[in-house]
Amino acid sequence: MSNILYIVAVILVIIWAIGFFGYAAGGLIHILLVIAVISIILQVIRGRSV
């Protein structure tokens, strides 16, 4: 399950970068970035507590 979260986070960061530099999707890309960062943080916290 952790590999899936990392893959989703990387994909969201790539999409955010494309949207940020292309300025095509605006706020939606930034929301996706926040979701990706939260996923990474949760994964790190869960990984260290186990």
PDB file of N, CA and C in Angstrom:
ATOM      1  N   MET A   1       0.821  -1.199   0.000  1.00  0.00           N
ATOM      2  CA  MET A   1       0.000   0.000   0.000  1.00  0.00           C
ATOM      3  C   MET A   1       0.863   1.261   0.000  1.00  0.00           C
ATOM      4  N   SER A   2       2.005   1.199   0.649  1.00  0.00           N
ATOM      5  CA  SER A   2       2.857   2.386   0.717  1.00  0.00           C
ATOM      6  C   SER A   2       3.412   2.752  -0.649  1.00  0.00           C
ATOM      7  N   ASN A   3       3.711   1.749  -1.481  1.00  0.00           N
ATOM      8  CA  ASN A   3       4.207   2.045  -2.817  1.00  0.00           C
ATOM      9  C   ASN A   3       3.170   2.789  -3.634  1.00  0.00           C
ATOM     10  N   ILE A   4       1.909   2.438  -3.471  1.00  0.00           N
ATOM     11  CA  ILE A   4       0.845   3.110  -4.209  1.00  0.00           C
ATOM     12  C   ILE A   4       0.757   4.570  -3.787  1.00  0.00           C
ATOM     13  N   LEU A   5       0.884   4.846  -2.488  1.00  0.00           N
ATOM     14  CA  LEU A   5       0.821   6.232  -2.015  1.00  0.00           C
ATOM     15  C   LEU A   5       1.972   7.052  -2.568  1.00  0.00           C
ATOM     16  N   TYR A   6       3.158   6.483  -2.599  1.00  0.00           N
ATOM     17  CA  TYR A   6       4.296   7.203  -3.157  1.00  0.00           C
ATOM     18  C   TYR A   6       4.109   7.462  -4.643  1.00  0.00           C
ATOM     19  N   ILE A   7       3.598   6.485  -5.375  1.00  0.00           N
ATOM     20  CA  ILE A   7       3.375   6.661  -6.813  1.00  0.00           C
ATOM     21  C   ILE A   7       2.343   7.759  -7.049  1.00  0.00           C
ATOM     22  N   VAL A   8       1.247   7.730  -6.289  1.00  0.00           N
ATOM     23  CA  VAL A   8       0.217   8.763  -6.434  1.00  0.00           C
ATOM     24  C   VAL A   8       0.789  10.135  -6.082  1.00  0.00           C
ATOM     25  N   ALA A   9       1.581  10.214  -5.023  1.00  0.00           N
ATOM     26  CA  ALA A   9       2.173  11.482  -4.615  1.00  0.00           C
ATOM     27  C   ALA A   9       3.102  12.025  -5.696  1.00  0.00           C
ATOM     28  N   VAL A  10       3.920  11.160  -6.283  1.00  0.00           N
ATOM     29  CA  VAL A  10       4.840  11.598  -7.337  1.00  0.00           C
ATOM     30  C   VAL A  10       4.062  12.081  -8.555  1.00  0.00           C
ATOM     31  N   ILE A  11       3.028  11.342  -8.933  1.00  0.00           N
ATOM     32  CA  ILE A  11       2.212  11.747 -10.075  1.00  0.00           C
ATOM     33  C   ILE A  11       1.562  13.099  -9.813  1.00  0.00           C
ATOM     34  N   LEU A  12       1.033  13.304  -8.612  1.00  0.00           N
ATOM     35  CA  LEU A  12       0.400  14.576  -8.285  1.00  0.00           C
ATOM     36  C   LEU A  12       1.405  15.728  -8.296  1.00  0.00           C
ATOM     37  N   VAL A  13       2.602  15.487  -7.809  1.00  0.00           N
ATOM     38  CA  VAL A  13       3.630  16.534  -7.827  1.00  0.00           C
ATOM     39  C   VAL A  13       4.015  16.874  -9.262  1.00  0.00           C
ATOM     40  N   ILE A  14       4.134  15.870 -10.121  1.00  0.00           N
ATOM     41  CA  ILE A  14       4.458  16.122 -11.525  1.00  0.00           C
ATOM     42  C   ILE A  14       3.344  16.918 -12.193  1.00  0.00           C
ATOM     43  N   ILE A  15       2.098  16.533 -11.946  1.00  0.00           N
ATOM     44  CA  ILE A  15       0.970  17.264 -12.521  1.00  0.00           C
ATOM     45  C   ILE A  15       0.941  18.703 -11.999  1.00  0.00           C
ATOM     46  N   TRP A  16       1.234  18.870 -10.705  1.00  0.00           N
ATOM     47  CA  TRP A  16       1.275  20.221 -10.140  1.00  0.00           C
ATOM     48  C   TRP A  16       2.355  21.058 -10.807  1.00  0.00           C
ATOM     49  N   ALA A  17       3.533  20.470 -11.000  1.00  0.00           N
ATOM     50  CA  ALA A  17       4.634  21.211 -11.624  1.00  0.00           C
ATOM     51  C   ALA A  17       4.262  21.640 -13.038  1.00  0.00           C
ATOM     52  N   ILE A  18       3.634  20.746 -13.785  1.00  0.00           N
ATOM     53  CA  ILE A  18       3.206  21.088 -15.148  1.00  0.00           C
ATOM     54  C   ILE A  18       2.177  22.218 -15.094  1.00  0.00           C
ATOM     55  N   GLY A  19       1.223  22.104 -14.183  1.00  0.00           N
ATOM     56  CA  GLY A  19       0.200  23.136 -14.057  1.00  0.00           C
ATOM     57  C   GLY A  19       0.757  24.458 -13.544  1.00  0.00           C
ATOM     58  N   PHE A  20       1.738  24.379 -12.657  1.00  0.00           N
ATOM     59  CA  PHE A  20       2.319  25.597 -12.093  1.00  0.00           C
ATOM     60  C   PHE A  20       3.084  26.364 -13.153  1.00  0.00           C
ATOM     61  N   PHE A  21       3.879  25.650 -13.934  1.00  0.00           N
ATOM     62  CA  PHE A  21       4.657  26.330 -14.967  1.00  0.00           C
ATOM     63  C   PHE A  21       3.818  26.659 -16.189  1.00  0.00           C
ATOM     64  N   GLY A  22       2.826  25.849 -16.482  1.00  0.00           N
ATOM     65  CA  GLY A  22       1.953  26.116 -17.618  1.00  0.00           C
ATOM     66  C   GLY A  22       0.778  27.002 -17.257  1.00  0.00           C
ATOM     67  N   TYR A  23       0.449  27.076 -15.962  1.00  0.00           N
ATOM     68  CA  TYR A  23      -0.651  27.881 -15.440  1.00  0.00           C
ATOM     69  C   TYR A  23      -1.956  27.569 -16.166  1.00  0.00           C
ATOM     70  N   ALA A  24      -2.208  26.276 -16.362  1.00  0.00           N
ATOM     71  CA  ALA A  24      -3.386  25.858 -17.112  1.00  0.00           C
ATOM     72  C   ALA A  24      -4.573  25.585 -16.192  1.00  0.00           C
ATOM     73  N   ALA A  25      -4.364  24.863 -15.092  1.00  0.00           N
ATOM     74  CA  ALA A  25      -5.483  24.422 -14.274  1.00  0.00           C
ATOM     75  C   ALA A  25      -5.685  25.248 -13.007  1.00  0.00           C
ATOM     76  N   GLY A  26      -4.775  26.122 -12.689  1.00  0.00           N
ATOM     77  CA  GLY A  26      -4.953  27.023 -11.560  1.00  0.00           C
ATOM     78  C   GLY A  26      -5.024  26.337 -10.211  1.00  0.00           C
ATOM     79  N   GLY A  27      -6.098  26.582  -9.469  1.00  0.00           N
ATOM     80  CA  GLY A  27      -6.237  26.121  -8.096  1.00  0.00           C
ATOM     81  C   GLY A  27      -6.328  24.618  -7.943  1.00  0.00           C
ATOM     82  N   LEU A  28      -6.865  23.923  -8.935  1.00  0.00           N
ATOM     83  CA  LEU A  28      -7.016  22.475  -8.837  1.00  0.00           C
ATOM     84  C   LEU A  28      -5.671  21.786  -8.664  1.00  0.00           C
ATOM     85  N   ILE A  29      -4.675  22.234  -9.379  1.00  0.00           N
ATOM     86  CA  ILE A  29      -3.347  21.624  -9.287  1.00  0.00           C
ATOM     87  C   ILE A  29      -2.762  21.834  -7.889  1.00  0.00           C
ATOM     88  N   HIS A  30      -2.989  22.999  -7.307  1.00  0.00           N
ATOM     89  CA  HIS A  30      -2.455  23.260  -5.975  1.00  0.00           C
ATOM     90  C   HIS A  30      -3.163  22.407  -4.920  1.00  0.00           C
ATOM     91  N   ILE A  31      -4.446  22.157  -5.121  1.00  0.00           N
ATOM     92  CA  ILE A  31      -5.164  21.254  -4.213  1.00  0.00           C
ATOM     93  C   ILE A  31      -4.582  19.852  -4.314  1.00  0.00           C
ATOM     94  N   LEU A  32      -4.278  19.412  -5.536  1.00  0.00           N
ATOM     95  CA  LEU A  32      -3.673  18.094  -5.723  1.00  0.00           C
ATOM     96  C   LEU A  32      -2.301  18.021  -5.057  1.00  0.00           C
ATOM     97  N   LEU A  33      -1.547  19.105  -5.111  1.00  0.00           N
ATOM     98  CA  LEU A  33      -0.243  19.135  -4.455  1.00  0.00           C
ATOM     99  C   LEU A  33      -0.389  18.991  -2.951  1.00  0.00           C
ATOM    100  N   VAL A  34      -1.349  19.682  -2.361  1.00  0.00           N
ATOM    101  CA  VAL A  34      -1.573  19.586  -0.926  1.00  0.00           C
ATOM    102  C   VAL A  34      -1.930  18.147  -0.547  1.00  0.00           C
ATOM    103  N   ILE A  35      -2.779  17.502  -1.350  1.00  0.00           N
ATOM    104  CA  ILE A  35      -3.147  16.108  -1.092  1.00  0.00           C
ATOM    105  C   ILE A  35      -1.911  15.213  -1.166  1.00  0.00           C
ATOM    106  N   ALA A  36      -1.042  15.457  -2.149  1.00  0.00           N
ATOM    107  CA  ALA A  36       0.174  14.654  -2.287  1.00  0.00           C
ATOM    108  C   ALA A  36       1.083  14.830  -1.076  1.00  0.00           C
ATOM    109  N   VAL A  37       1.256  16.052  -0.622  1.00  0.00           N
ATOM    110  CA  VAL A  37       2.127  16.313   0.530  1.00  0.00           C
ATOM    111  C   VAL A  37       1.553  15.668   1.787  1.00  0.00           C
ATOM    112  N   ILE A  38       0.242  15.770   1.974  1.00  0.00           N
ATOM    113  CA  ILE A  38      -0.388  15.138   3.144  1.00  0.00           C
ATOM    114  C   ILE A  38      -0.201  13.627   3.094  1.00  0.00           C
ATOM    115  N   SER A  39      -0.322  13.038   1.907  1.00  0.00           N
ATOM    116  CA  SER A  39      -0.124  11.589   1.764  1.00  0.00           C
ATOM    117  C   SER A  39       1.293  11.192   2.152  1.00  0.00           C
ATOM    118  N   ILE A  40       2.266  11.961   1.715  1.00  0.00           N
ATOM    119  CA  ILE A  40       3.667  11.661   2.044  1.00  0.00           C
ATOM    120  C   ILE A  40       3.895  11.788   3.546  1.00  0.00           C
ATOM    121  N   ILE A  41       3.376  12.850   4.156  1.00  0.00           N
ATOM    122  CA  ILE A  41       3.555  13.054   5.593  1.00  0.00           C
ATOM    123  C   ILE A  41       2.917  11.919   6.383  1.00  0.00           C
ATOM    124  N   LEU A  42       1.692  11.528   6.011  1.00  0.00           N
ATOM    125  CA  LEU A  42       1.032  10.425   6.704  1.00  0.00           C
ATOM    126  C   LEU A  42       1.814   9.130   6.558  1.00  0.00           C
ATOM    127  N   GLN A  43       2.366   8.890   5.379  1.00  0.00           N
ATOM    128  CA  GLN A  43       3.137   7.673   5.156  1.00  0.00           C
ATOM    129  C   GLN A  43       4.406   7.667   6.018  1.00  0.00           C
ATOM    130  N   VAL A  44       5.069   8.814   6.127  1.00  0.00           N
ATOM    131  CA  VAL A  44       6.284   8.902   6.954  1.00  0.00           C
ATOM    132  C   VAL A  44       5.938   8.673   8.422  1.00  0.00           C
ATOM    133  N   ILE A  45       4.857   9.270   8.885  1.00  0.00           N
ATOM    134  CA  ILE A  45       4.457   9.111  10.280  1.00  0.00           C
ATOM    135  C   ILE A  45       4.100   7.647  10.558  1.00  0.00           C
ATOM    136  N   ARG A  46       3.330   7.040   9.689  1.00  0.00           N
ATOM    137  CA  ARG A  46       2.937   5.650   9.897  1.00  0.00           C
ATOM    138  C   ARG A  46       4.127   4.710   9.787  1.00  0.00           C
ATOM    139  N   GLY A  47       5.059   5.023   8.914  1.00  0.00           N
ATOM    140  CA  GLY A  47       6.236   4.184   8.741  1.00  0.00           C
ATOM    141  C   GLY A  47       7.143   4.201   9.950  1.00  0.00           C
ATOM    142  N   ARG A  48       7.255   5.340  10.593  1.00  0.00           N
ATOM    143  CA  ARG A  48       8.137   5.457  11.765  1.00  0.00           C
ATOM    144  C   ARG A  48       7.505   4.869  13.004  1.00  0.00           C
ATOM    145  N   SER A  49       6.188   4.875  13.102  1.00  0.00           N
ATOM    146  CA  SER A  49       5.550   4.372  14.302  1.00  0.00           C
ATOM    147  C   SER A  49       5.456   2.835  14.325  1.00  0.00           C
ATOM    148  N   VAL A  50       5.626   2.215  13.177  1.00  0.00           N
ATOM    149  CA  VAL A  50       5.508   0.747  13.110  1.00  0.00           C
ATOM    150  C   VAL A  50       6.825   0.117  13.451  1.00  0.00           C
TER     151      VAL A  50
END
